[in-house]
């Protein structure tokens, strides 16, 4: 019998307030240690490549899914997504675009680039909690994630 484990979520988000709200929303369904945040696409790729300071697997586990904001400094979400999906070791990690943009072009291009889902950030904390529960339920209890 296969036992589902809590998923490890890596969030790439540059807005400190959004990061805090995302962490609090996911804490309603996941243990705190299963949500890790980085500030932009550059840090996201450092995390995935195990570059310092992300070289400790205990504190920085391999993510089961990535929540990726599109509009970030240094390396935006589109560039990070392209690098993730072109890397042999990372391309199997599901990437959920989690952004304020609801532009048709953003939705179409990120799906063409290999994103697994596209979610527009809700405007309230209650909406964020609902989305967090749906993500946790679908990605932890419904589908089989790659190992």
C-alpha atoms as a PDB file:
ATOM      1  CA  UNK A   1       0.000   0.000   0.000  1.00  0.00           C
ATOM      2  CA  UNK A   2       1.302   3.424  -0.953  1.00  0.00           C
ATOM      3  CA  UNK A   3       1.214   5.993   1.851  1.00  0.00           C
ATOM      4  CA  UNK A   4       1.032   9.640   0.831  1.00  0.00           C
ATOM      5  CA  UNK A   5       3.522  11.925   2.505  1.00  0.00           C
ATOM      6  CA  UNK A   6       3.215  15.658   3.015  1.00  0.00           C
ATOM      7  CA  UNK A   7       4.466  17.512  -0.031  1.00  0.00           C
ATOM      8  CA  UNK A   8       7.392  19.912  -0.002  1.00  0.00           C
ATOM      9  CA  UNK A   9       6.471  23.181  -1.667  1.00  0.00           C
ATOM     10  CA  UNK A  10       9.054  25.657  -2.891  1.00  0.00           C
ATOM     11  CA  UNK A  11       7.626  29.147  -3.375  1.00  0.00           C
ATOM     12  CA  UNK A  12       9.400  31.718  -5.549  1.00  0.00           C
ATOM     13  CA  UNK A  13       7.899  35.067  -4.543  1.00  0.00           C
ATOM     14  CA  UNK A  14       9.529  38.474  -4.220  1.00  0.00           C
ATOM     15  CA  UNK A  15       6.805  40.267  -2.231  1.00  0.00           C
ATOM     16  CA  UNK A  16       7.374  39.796   1.522  1.00  0.00           C
ATOM     17  CA  UNK A  17       3.699  40.279   2.393  1.00  0.00           C
ATOM     18  CA  UNK A  18       2.623  37.702  -0.199  1.00  0.00           C
ATOM     19  CA  UNK A  19       5.258  35.255   1.096  1.00  0.00           C
ATOM     20  CA  UNK A  20       3.963  35.593   4.647  1.00  0.00           C
ATOM     21  CA  UNK A  21       0.340  35.114   3.569  1.00  0.00           C
ATOM     22  CA  UNK A  22       1.215  32.108   1.391  1.00  0.00           C
ATOM     23  CA  UNK A  23       3.086  30.452   4.276  1.00  0.00           C
ATOM     24  CA  UNK A  24       0.202  31.112   6.685  1.00  0.00           C
ATOM     25  CA  UNK A  25      -2.338  29.775   4.189  1.00  0.00           C
ATOM     26  CA  UNK A  26      -0.401  26.553   3.638  1.00  0.00           C
ATOM     27  CA  UNK A  27       0.131  26.108   7.387  1.00  0.00           C
ATOM     28  CA  UNK A  28      -3.598  25.404   7.564  1.00  0.00           C
ATOM     29  CA  UNK A  29      -2.946  22.119   5.711  1.00  0.00           C
ATOM     30  CA  UNK A  30       0.804  21.442   5.808  1.00  0.00           C
ATOM     31  CA  UNK A  31       3.445  21.462   8.526  1.00  0.00           C
ATOM     32  CA  UNK A  32       5.471  24.690   8.510  1.00  0.00           C
ATOM     33  CA  UNK A  33       8.665  22.921   7.510  1.00  0.00           C
ATOM     34  CA  UNK A  34       7.125  21.747   4.230  1.00  0.00           C
ATOM     35  CA  UNK A  35       6.915  25.250   2.712  1.00  0.00           C
ATOM     36  CA  UNK A  36      10.118  27.044   1.732  1.00  0.00           C
ATOM     37  CA  UNK A  37      10.317  30.470   0.110  1.00  0.00           C
ATOM     38  CA  UNK A  38      12.936  32.073  -2.089  1.00  0.00           C
ATOM     39  CA  UNK A  39      12.862  35.689  -3.245  1.00  0.00           C
ATOM     40  CA  UNK A  40      13.248  35.337  -7.033  1.00  0.00           C
ATOM     41  CA  UNK A  41      14.055  33.098  -9.966  1.00  0.00           C
ATOM     42  CA  UNK A  42      17.792  33.393  -9.385  1.00  0.00           C
ATOM     43  CA  UNK A  43      17.459  32.052  -5.827  1.00  0.00           C
ATOM     44  CA  UNK A  44      15.055  29.361  -7.090  1.00  0.00           C
ATOM     45  CA  UNK A  45      17.672  28.006  -9.482  1.00  0.00           C
ATOM     46  CA  UNK A  46      20.369  28.221  -6.778  1.00  0.00           C
ATOM     47  CA  UNK A  47      18.050  26.190  -4.525  1.00  0.00           C
ATOM     48  CA  UNK A  48      17.435  23.545  -7.180  1.00  0.00           C
ATOM     49  CA  UNK A  49      21.141  23.360  -8.044  1.00  0.00           C
ATOM     50  CA  UNK A  50      22.028  23.009  -4.338  1.00  0.00           C
ATOM     51  CA  UNK A  51      24.218  26.109  -4.391  1.00  0.00           C
ATOM     52  CA  UNK A  52      25.008  27.762  -1.064  1.00  0.00           C
ATOM     53  CA  UNK A  53      23.138  28.564   1.088  1.00  0.00           C
ATOM     54  CA  UNK A  54      20.726  25.861  -0.153  1.00  0.00           C
ATOM     55  CA  UNK A  55      23.140  22.913  -0.023  1.00  0.00           C
ATOM     56  CA  UNK A  56      21.714  21.375   3.174  1.00  0.00           C
ATOM     57  CA  UNK A  57      18.987  18.857   2.239  1.00  0.00           C
ATOM     58  CA  UNK A  58      17.667  18.778   5.792  1.00  0.00           C
ATOM     59  CA  UNK A  59      16.797  22.464   5.785  1.00  0.00           C
ATOM     60  CA  UNK A  60      16.133  22.709   2.045  1.00  0.00           C
ATOM     61  CA  UNK A  61      14.428  19.506   0.862  1.00  0.00           C
ATOM     62  CA  UNK A  62      13.933  18.681  -2.784  1.00  0.00           C
ATOM     63  CA  UNK A  63      10.613  20.275  -3.725  1.00  0.00           C
ATOM     64  CA  UNK A  64       7.693  18.139  -4.840  1.00  0.00           C
ATOM     65  CA  UNK A  65       6.083  21.183  -6.465  1.00  0.00           C
ATOM     66  CA  UNK A  66       7.088  24.753  -7.190  1.00  0.00           C
ATOM     67  CA  UNK A  67       4.825  27.801  -6.872  1.00  0.00           C
ATOM     68  CA  UNK A  68       6.273  30.381  -9.228  1.00  0.00           C
ATOM     69  CA  UNK A  69       5.464  34.071  -9.417  1.00  0.00           C
ATOM     70  CA  UNK A  70       6.018  35.570 -12.862  1.00  0.00           C
ATOM     71  CA  UNK A  71       7.080  39.122 -12.062  1.00  0.00           C
ATOM     72  CA  UNK A  72      10.213  39.091  -9.923  1.00  0.00           C
ATOM     73  CA  UNK A  73      13.538  40.946  -9.987  1.00  0.00           C
ATOM     74  CA  UNK A  74      16.875  39.474 -11.076  1.00  0.00           C
ATOM     75  CA  UNK A  75      15.307  36.480 -12.857  1.00  0.00           C
ATOM     76  CA  UNK A  76      11.588  36.509 -13.577  1.00  0.00           C
ATOM     77  CA  UNK A  77       9.306  33.494 -13.481  1.00  0.00           C
ATOM     78  CA  UNK A  78       9.250  32.982 -17.243  1.00  0.00           C
ATOM     79  CA  UNK A  79      13.032  32.730 -17.416  1.00  0.00           C
ATOM     80  CA  UNK A  80      13.151  30.458 -14.360  1.00  0.00           C
ATOM     81  CA  UNK A  81      10.426  28.226 -15.837  1.00  0.00           C
ATOM     82  CA  UNK A  82      12.361  27.892 -19.099  1.00  0.00           C
ATOM     83  CA  UNK A  83      15.497  26.864 -17.200  1.00  0.00           C
ATOM     84  CA  UNK A  84      13.615  24.391 -14.982  1.00  0.00           C
ATOM     85  CA  UNK A  85      11.853  22.706 -17.894  1.00  0.00           C
ATOM     86  CA  UNK A  86      15.068  22.467 -19.942  1.00  0.00           C
ATOM     87  CA  UNK A  87      17.046  20.829 -17.102  1.00  0.00           C
ATOM     88  CA  UNK A  88      16.981  17.028 -17.055  1.00  0.00           C
ATOM     89  CA  UNK A  89      16.817  16.752 -13.251  1.00  0.00           C
ATOM     90  CA  UNK A  90      14.289  19.541 -12.665  1.00  0.00           C
ATOM     91  CA  UNK A  91      11.816  19.240 -15.539  1.00  0.00           C
ATOM     92  CA  UNK A  92       9.800  16.528 -13.785  1.00  0.00           C
ATOM     93  CA  UNK A  93       8.997  18.854 -10.846  1.00  0.00           C
ATOM     94  CA  UNK A  94       5.470  20.223 -11.305  1.00  0.00           C
ATOM     95  CA  UNK A  95       5.452  24.014 -11.589  1.00  0.00           C
ATOM     96  CA  UNK A  96       2.353  25.983 -10.680  1.00  0.00           C
ATOM     97  CA  UNK A  97       2.361  29.561 -11.917  1.00  0.00           C
ATOM     98  CA  UNK A  98       1.026  31.591  -8.976  1.00  0.00           C
ATOM     99  CA  UNK A  99       0.788  35.226  -9.966  1.00  0.00           C
ATOM    100  CA  UNK A 100      -1.388  38.299 -10.040  1.00  0.00           C
ATOM    101  CA  UNK A 101      -1.411  38.322 -13.842  1.00  0.00           C
ATOM    102  CA  UNK A 102      -4.490  37.050 -15.626  1.00  0.00           C
ATOM    103  CA  UNK A 103      -3.231  38.051 -19.061  1.00  0.00           C
ATOM    104  CA  UNK A 104      -4.086  35.561 -21.796  1.00  0.00           C
ATOM    105  CA  UNK A 105      -0.536  35.790 -23.189  1.00  0.00           C
ATOM    106  CA  UNK A 106       1.013  34.889 -19.814  1.00  0.00           C
ATOM    107  CA  UNK A 107      -1.320  31.924 -19.434  1.00  0.00           C
ATOM    108  CA  UNK A 108      -0.692  30.611 -22.942  1.00  0.00           C
ATOM    109  CA  UNK A 109       3.063  31.060 -22.966  1.00  0.00           C
ATOM    110  CA  UNK A 110       3.660  29.476 -19.560  1.00  0.00           C
ATOM    111  CA  UNK A 111       1.600  26.418 -20.497  1.00  0.00           C
ATOM    112  CA  UNK A 112       3.555  26.158 -23.767  1.00  0.00           C
ATOM    113  CA  UNK A 113       6.750  26.367 -21.711  1.00  0.00           C
ATOM    114  CA  UNK A 114       5.683  23.403 -19.572  1.00  0.00           C
ATOM    115  CA  UNK A 115       3.942  24.783 -16.499  1.00  0.00           C
ATOM    116  CA  UNK A 116       1.513  22.325 -14.924  1.00  0.00           C
ATOM    117  CA  UNK A 117      -1.058  24.812 -13.652  1.00  0.00           C
ATOM    118  CA  UNK A 118      -1.785  28.518 -13.721  1.00  0.00           C
ATOM    119  CA  UNK A 119      -3.440  30.153 -10.728  1.00  0.00           C
ATOM    120  CA  UNK A 120      -4.193  33.832 -10.327  1.00  0.00           C
ATOM    121  CA  UNK A 121      -3.564  34.864  -6.732  1.00  0.00           C
ATOM    122  CA  UNK A 122      -6.833  35.449  -4.897  1.00  0.00           C
ATOM    123  CA  UNK A 123      -7.524  38.886  -3.444  1.00  0.00           C
ATOM    124  CA  UNK A 124      -8.211  37.739   0.119  1.00  0.00           C
ATOM    125  CA  UNK A 125      -6.546  35.580   2.751  1.00  0.00           C
ATOM    126  CA  UNK A 126      -9.626  33.313   2.834  1.00  0.00           C
ATOM    127  CA  UNK A 127      -9.289  32.834  -0.919  1.00  0.00           C
ATOM    128  CA  UNK A 128      -5.608  32.044  -0.486  1.00  0.00           C
ATOM    129  CA  UNK A 129      -6.398  29.428   2.172  1.00  0.00           C
ATOM    130  CA  UNK A 130      -8.937  27.839  -0.182  1.00  0.00           C
ATOM    131  CA  UNK A 131      -6.369  27.681  -2.995  1.00  0.00           C
ATOM    132  CA  UNK A 132      -3.741  26.245  -0.607  1.00  0.00           C
ATOM    133  CA  UNK A 133      -6.148  23.494   0.453  1.00  0.00           C
ATOM    134  CA  UNK A 134      -6.978  22.696  -3.165  1.00  0.00           C
ATOM    135  CA  UNK A 135      -3.289  22.548  -4.109  1.00  0.00           C
ATOM    136  CA  UNK A 136      -2.486  20.351  -1.128  1.00  0.00           C
ATOM    137  CA  UNK A 137      -5.444  18.058  -1.791  1.00  0.00           C
ATOM    138  CA  UNK A 138      -4.748  17.661  -5.497  1.00  0.00           C
ATOM    139  CA  UNK A 139      -0.945  17.402  -5.422  1.00  0.00           C
ATOM    140  CA  UNK A 140      -0.681  15.411  -2.170  1.00  0.00           C
ATOM    141  CA  UNK A 141      -3.786  13.226  -2.119  1.00  0.00           C
ATOM    142  CA  UNK A 142      -5.031  12.870  -5.682  1.00  0.00           C
ATOM    143  CA  UNK A 143      -2.117  12.592  -8.118  1.00  0.00           C
ATOM    144  CA  UNK A 144       1.049  10.543  -7.969  1.00  0.00           C
ATOM    145  CA  UNK A 145       4.090  12.811  -7.992  1.00  0.00           C
ATOM    146  CA  UNK A 146       7.373  11.705  -9.563  1.00  0.00           C
ATOM    147  CA  UNK A 147       9.957  10.374  -7.160  1.00  0.00           C
END
